[in-house]
């Protein structure tokens, strides 16, 4: 039986038929889900070493993804679309509870300040969609997320709003 030790996940059995792992973790004060999906039945030790390296950099990858949200606010439209959607769909009391402000006082920047990482998913065989960091203003109030995708080298690949 081949086993490999991975930070946050512990020992994993490389010959297991369970190719999806889920762990609840606290990283930099954020409670979030970490998941790991193996799409192929076998994978190289090189890919496992890269995964181990990326898991070791996880707090930095989360911070990098959070910075990408700020860049999107300036240059893109995903964060703005997320804010607009929620301003249209949250009732007044939800907005006051979340932001401490009335609807007409809330800006897109207020949403940006409230984004928290809620999930990080790893797919080691996918070079482009390698790491996905999901952010929410409050997962108890909304199923919508902003997903920041990083490639296998930890570089920005995509940002999208998901439900």
C-alpha atoms as a PDB file:
ATOM      1  CA  UNK A   1       0.000   0.000   0.000  1.00  0.00           C
ATOM      2  CA  UNK A   2       1.507   3.324  -1.077  1.00  0.00           C
ATOM      3  CA  UNK A   3       0.908   6.246   1.242  1.00  0.00           C
ATOM      4  CA  UNK A   4       1.829   9.889   1.019  1.00  0.00           C
ATOM      5  CA  UNK A   5       1.715  12.487   3.795  1.00  0.00           C
ATOM      6  CA  UNK A   6      -0.025  15.745   2.919  1.00  0.00           C
ATOM      7  CA  UNK A   7      -0.353  18.802   5.118  1.00  0.00           C
ATOM      8  CA  UNK A   8      -3.966  19.320   6.250  1.00  0.00           C
ATOM      9  CA  UNK A   9      -5.027  15.886   4.935  1.00  0.00           C
ATOM     10  CA  UNK A  10      -2.585  13.592   6.745  1.00  0.00           C
ATOM     11  CA  UNK A  11      -1.672  10.262   5.220  1.00  0.00           C
ATOM     12  CA  UNK A  12      -3.463   9.400   2.020  1.00  0.00           C
ATOM     13  CA  UNK A  13      -3.586   5.981   0.450  1.00  0.00           C
ATOM     14  CA  UNK A  14      -2.502   6.294  -3.164  1.00  0.00           C
ATOM     15  CA  UNK A  15      -4.170   3.006  -4.037  1.00  0.00           C
ATOM     16  CA  UNK A  16      -7.518   3.911  -2.497  1.00  0.00           C
ATOM     17  CA  UNK A  17     -10.647   4.142  -4.586  1.00  0.00           C
ATOM     18  CA  UNK A  18     -11.593   7.297  -2.641  1.00  0.00           C
ATOM     19  CA  UNK A  19     -10.402  10.071  -4.921  1.00  0.00           C
ATOM     20  CA  UNK A  20     -12.118  12.885  -3.053  1.00  0.00           C
ATOM     21  CA  UNK A  21     -10.932  14.115   0.347  1.00  0.00           C
ATOM     22  CA  UNK A  22     -12.601  16.789   2.452  1.00  0.00           C
ATOM     23  CA  UNK A  23     -11.232  18.414   5.592  1.00  0.00           C
ATOM     24  CA  UNK A  24     -12.394  21.325   7.738  1.00  0.00           C
ATOM     25  CA  UNK A  25      -9.453  23.564   8.631  1.00  0.00           C
ATOM     26  CA  UNK A  26      -8.692  26.925  10.154  1.00  0.00           C
ATOM     27  CA  UNK A  27      -6.141  28.914   8.179  1.00  0.00           C
ATOM     28  CA  UNK A  28      -5.163  32.471   9.088  1.00  0.00           C
ATOM     29  CA  UNK A  29      -8.217  32.671  11.336  1.00  0.00           C
ATOM     30  CA  UNK A  30     -10.640  31.567   8.618  1.00  0.00           C
ATOM     31  CA  UNK A  31     -12.661  28.384   9.010  1.00  0.00           C
ATOM     32  CA  UNK A  32     -12.897  26.741   5.626  1.00  0.00           C
ATOM     33  CA  UNK A  33     -13.291  23.483   3.795  1.00  0.00           C
ATOM     34  CA  UNK A  34     -10.333  22.007   1.976  1.00  0.00           C
ATOM     35  CA  UNK A  35     -10.998  19.435  -0.671  1.00  0.00           C
ATOM     36  CA  UNK A  36      -8.747  17.387  -2.835  1.00  0.00           C
ATOM     37  CA  UNK A  37      -9.988  15.643  -5.966  1.00  0.00           C
ATOM     38  CA  UNK A  38      -7.950  13.092  -7.868  1.00  0.00           C
ATOM     39  CA  UNK A  39      -9.370  12.662 -11.351  1.00  0.00           C
ATOM     40  CA  UNK A  40      -7.076   9.848 -12.462  1.00  0.00           C
ATOM     41  CA  UNK A  41      -6.535   6.464 -10.844  1.00  0.00           C
ATOM     42  CA  UNK A  42      -2.777   6.903 -10.848  1.00  0.00           C
ATOM     43  CA  UNK A  43      -0.587   9.962 -10.738  1.00  0.00           C
ATOM     44  CA  UNK A  44       3.093  10.679 -10.665  1.00  0.00           C
ATOM     45  CA  UNK A  45       5.215  11.362  -7.618  1.00  0.00           C
ATOM     46  CA  UNK A  46       6.125  14.661  -9.314  1.00  0.00           C
ATOM     47  CA  UNK A  47       2.471  15.775  -9.173  1.00  0.00           C
ATOM     48  CA  UNK A  48       2.242  14.730  -5.545  1.00  0.00           C
ATOM     49  CA  UNK A  49       5.380  16.718  -4.696  1.00  0.00           C
ATOM     50  CA  UNK A  50       3.924  19.776  -6.452  1.00  0.00           C
ATOM     51  CA  UNK A  51       0.693  19.320  -4.494  1.00  0.00           C
ATOM     52  CA  UNK A  52       2.662  19.073  -1.254  1.00  0.00           C
ATOM     53  CA  UNK A  53       4.479  22.299  -2.147  1.00  0.00           C
ATOM     54  CA  UNK A  54       1.211  24.117  -2.960  1.00  0.00           C
ATOM     55  CA  UNK A  55      -0.387  22.941   0.288  1.00  0.00           C
ATOM     56  CA  UNK A  56       2.644  24.319   2.121  1.00  0.00           C
ATOM     57  CA  UNK A  57       1.971  27.689   0.489  1.00  0.00           C
ATOM     58  CA  UNK A  58      -1.774  27.619   1.159  1.00  0.00           C
ATOM     59  CA  UNK A  59      -1.971  30.728   3.383  1.00  0.00           C
ATOM     60  CA  UNK A  60      -0.058  32.673   0.704  1.00  0.00           C
ATOM     61  CA  UNK A  61      -2.315  31.309  -2.057  1.00  0.00           C
ATOM     62  CA  UNK A  62      -5.385  32.458  -0.116  1.00  0.00           C
ATOM     63  CA  UNK A  63      -3.911  35.930   0.412  1.00  0.00           C
ATOM     64  CA  UNK A  64      -2.973  36.120  -3.278  1.00  0.00           C
ATOM     65  CA  UNK A  65      -6.531  35.143  -4.232  1.00  0.00           C
ATOM     66  CA  UNK A  66      -7.934  37.806  -1.919  1.00  0.00           C
ATOM     67  CA  UNK A  67      -5.718  40.401  -3.608  1.00  0.00           C
ATOM     68  CA  UNK A  68      -7.070  39.240  -6.978  1.00  0.00           C
ATOM     69  CA  UNK A  69     -10.558  40.191  -5.751  1.00  0.00           C
ATOM     70  CA  UNK A  70      -9.314  43.760  -5.329  1.00  0.00           C
ATOM     71  CA  UNK A  71      -7.791  43.737  -8.791  1.00  0.00           C
ATOM     72  CA  UNK A  72     -11.063  42.455 -10.239  1.00  0.00           C
ATOM     73  CA  UNK A  73     -12.912  45.282  -8.530  1.00  0.00           C
ATOM     74  CA  UNK A  74     -10.686  47.777 -10.366  1.00  0.00           C
ATOM     75  CA  UNK A  75     -10.327  46.021 -13.731  1.00  0.00           C
ATOM     76  CA  UNK A  76     -13.044  43.388 -14.015  1.00  0.00           C
ATOM     77  CA  UNK A  77     -16.696  42.882 -13.271  1.00  0.00           C
ATOM     78  CA  UNK A  78     -17.096  39.696 -11.200  1.00  0.00           C
ATOM     79  CA  UNK A  79     -16.931  41.367  -7.770  1.00  0.00           C
ATOM     80  CA  UNK A  80     -19.231  44.153  -8.984  1.00  0.00           C
ATOM     81  CA  UNK A  81     -21.709  41.607 -10.382  1.00  0.00           C
ATOM     82  CA  UNK A  82     -21.666  39.728  -7.066  1.00  0.00           C
ATOM     83  CA  UNK A  83     -22.351  42.940  -5.129  1.00  0.00           C
ATOM     84  CA  UNK A  84     -25.105  44.031  -7.523  1.00  0.00           C
ATOM     85  CA  UNK A  85     -26.788  40.618  -7.333  1.00  0.00           C
ATOM     86  CA  UNK A  86     -26.839  40.694  -3.542  1.00  0.00           C
ATOM     87  CA  UNK A  87     -27.965  44.293  -3.286  1.00  0.00           C
ATOM     88  CA  UNK A  88     -30.929  43.302  -5.445  1.00  0.00           C
ATOM     89  CA  UNK A  89     -31.688  40.056  -3.565  1.00  0.00           C
ATOM     90  CA  UNK A  90     -30.901  40.655   0.116  1.00  0.00           C
ATOM     91  CA  UNK A  91     -33.672  42.271   2.124  1.00  0.00           C
ATOM     92  CA  UNK A  92     -33.020  45.478   4.059  1.00  0.00           C
ATOM     93  CA  UNK A  93     -32.520  43.717   7.402  1.00  0.00           C
ATOM     94  CA  UNK A  94     -29.992  41.244   5.950  1.00  0.00           C
ATOM     95  CA  UNK A  95     -27.994  44.147   4.548  1.00  0.00           C
ATOM     96  CA  UNK A  96     -28.083  46.027   7.845  1.00  0.00           C
ATOM     97  CA  UNK A  97     -27.029  42.907   9.752  1.00  0.00           C
ATOM     98  CA  UNK A  98     -24.203  42.195   7.325  1.00  0.00           C
ATOM     99  CA  UNK A  99     -22.874  45.691   6.661  1.00  0.00           C
ATOM    100  CA  UNK A 100     -24.313  47.844   9.438  1.00  0.00           C
ATOM    101  CA  UNK A 101     -25.567  50.224   6.754  1.00  0.00           C
ATOM    102  CA  UNK A 102     -28.645  50.909   4.722  1.00  0.00           C
ATOM    103  CA  UNK A 103     -28.863  49.681   1.122  1.00  0.00           C
ATOM    104  CA  UNK A 104     -28.147  53.097  -0.426  1.00  0.00           C
ATOM    105  CA  UNK A 105     -24.988  53.490   1.716  1.00  0.00           C
ATOM    106  CA  UNK A 106     -23.403  50.175   0.712  1.00  0.00           C
ATOM    107  CA  UNK A 107     -20.624  50.172  -1.882  1.00  0.00           C
ATOM    108  CA  UNK A 108     -18.909  47.422  -3.819  1.00  0.00           C
ATOM    109  CA  UNK A 109     -15.885  48.052  -1.597  1.00  0.00           C
ATOM    110  CA  UNK A 110     -18.021  47.050   1.408  1.00  0.00           C
ATOM    111  CA  UNK A 111     -18.534  43.661  -0.222  1.00  0.00           C
ATOM    112  CA  UNK A 112     -14.817  43.370  -0.919  1.00  0.00           C
ATOM    113  CA  UNK A 113     -14.047  44.021   2.762  1.00  0.00           C
ATOM    114  CA  UNK A 114     -16.496  41.305   3.868  1.00  0.00           C
ATOM    115  CA  UNK A 115     -15.249  38.552   1.541  1.00  0.00           C
ATOM    116  CA  UNK A 116     -13.928  35.586   3.488  1.00  0.00           C
ATOM    117  CA  UNK A 117     -12.450  32.401   2.083  1.00  0.00           C
ATOM    118  CA  UNK A 118     -14.864  29.519   2.681  1.00  0.00           C
ATOM    119  CA  UNK A 119     -13.389  26.710   0.578  1.00  0.00           C
ATOM    120  CA  UNK A 120     -10.179  25.776  -1.186  1.00  0.00           C
ATOM    121  CA  UNK A 121     -10.256  22.962  -3.708  1.00  0.00           C
ATOM    122  CA  UNK A 122      -7.267  21.246  -5.283  1.00  0.00           C
ATOM    123  CA  UNK A 123      -7.325  19.195  -8.484  1.00  0.00           C
ATOM    124  CA  UNK A 124      -3.701  18.075  -8.965  1.00  0.00           C
ATOM    125  CA  UNK A 125      -4.174  16.670 -12.473  1.00  0.00           C
ATOM    126  CA  UNK A 126      -5.641  19.874 -13.899  1.00  0.00           C
ATOM    127  CA  UNK A 127      -2.847  22.283 -14.820  1.00  0.00           C
ATOM    128  CA  UNK A 128      -5.148  25.299 -15.197  1.00  0.00           C
ATOM    129  CA  UNK A 129      -7.873  24.734 -12.574  1.00  0.00           C
ATOM    130  CA  UNK A 130      -5.377  23.483 -10.003  1.00  0.00           C
ATOM    131  CA  UNK A 131      -6.465  25.542  -6.976  1.00  0.00           C
ATOM    132  CA  UNK A 132      -9.858  27.176  -6.542  1.00  0.00           C
ATOM    133  CA  UNK A 133     -10.446  29.547  -3.633  1.00  0.00           C
ATOM    134  CA  UNK A 134     -14.116  30.328  -2.979  1.00  0.00           C
ATOM    135  CA  UNK A 135     -15.084  33.549  -1.221  1.00  0.00           C
ATOM    136  CA  UNK A 136     -18.407  34.605   0.279  1.00  0.00           C
ATOM    137  CA  UNK A 137     -19.680  37.566   2.263  1.00  0.00           C
ATOM    138  CA  UNK A 138     -21.716  35.134   4.383  1.00  0.00           C
ATOM    139  CA  UNK A 139     -22.319  31.497   3.378  1.00  0.00           C
ATOM    140  CA  UNK A 140     -25.307  31.308   5.744  1.00  0.00           C
ATOM    141  CA  UNK A 141     -27.096  34.036   3.774  1.00  0.00           C
ATOM    142  CA  UNK A 142     -26.095  33.219   0.208  1.00  0.00           C
ATOM    143  CA  UNK A 143     -25.137  30.258  -1.914  1.00  0.00           C
ATOM    144  CA  UNK A 144     -23.256  32.524  -4.319  1.00  0.00           C
ATOM    145  CA  UNK A 145     -19.465  32.567  -4.294  1.00  0.00           C
ATOM    146  CA  UNK A 146     -16.675  34.318  -6.078  1.00  0.00           C
ATOM    147  CA  UNK A 147     -14.223  31.630  -7.178  1.00  0.00           C
ATOM    148  CA  UNK A 148     -10.601  32.572  -7.850  1.00  0.00           C
ATOM    149  CA  UNK A 149      -8.738  29.934  -9.834  1.00  0.00           C
ATOM    150  CA  UNK A 150      -4.973  29.533  -9.778  1.00  0.00           C
ATOM    151  CA  UNK A 151      -2.961  27.305 -12.096  1.00  0.00           C
ATOM    152  CA  UNK A 152      -0.473  24.657 -10.993  1.00  0.00           C
ATOM    153  CA  UNK A 153       2.187  27.318 -10.432  1.00  0.00           C
ATOM    154  CA  UNK A 154      -0.102  29.422  -8.229  1.00  0.00           C
ATOM    155  CA  UNK A 155      -0.642  32.058 -10.921  1.00  0.00           C
ATOM    156  CA  UNK A 156      -4.017  33.653 -11.599  1.00  0.00           C
ATOM    157  CA  UNK A 157      -6.080  31.774 -14.181  1.00  0.00           C
ATOM    158  CA  UNK A 158      -9.753  32.784 -13.783  1.00  0.00           C
ATOM    159  CA  UNK A 159     -12.345  34.480 -11.591  1.00  0.00           C
ATOM    160  CA  UNK A 160     -16.065  33.788 -11.701  1.00  0.00           C
ATOM    161  CA  UNK A 161     -19.284  34.008  -9.724  1.00  0.00           C
ATOM    162  CA  UNK A 162     -20.667  30.566  -8.865  1.00  0.00           C
ATOM    163  CA  UNK A 163     -23.835  29.276  -7.303  1.00  0.00           C
END
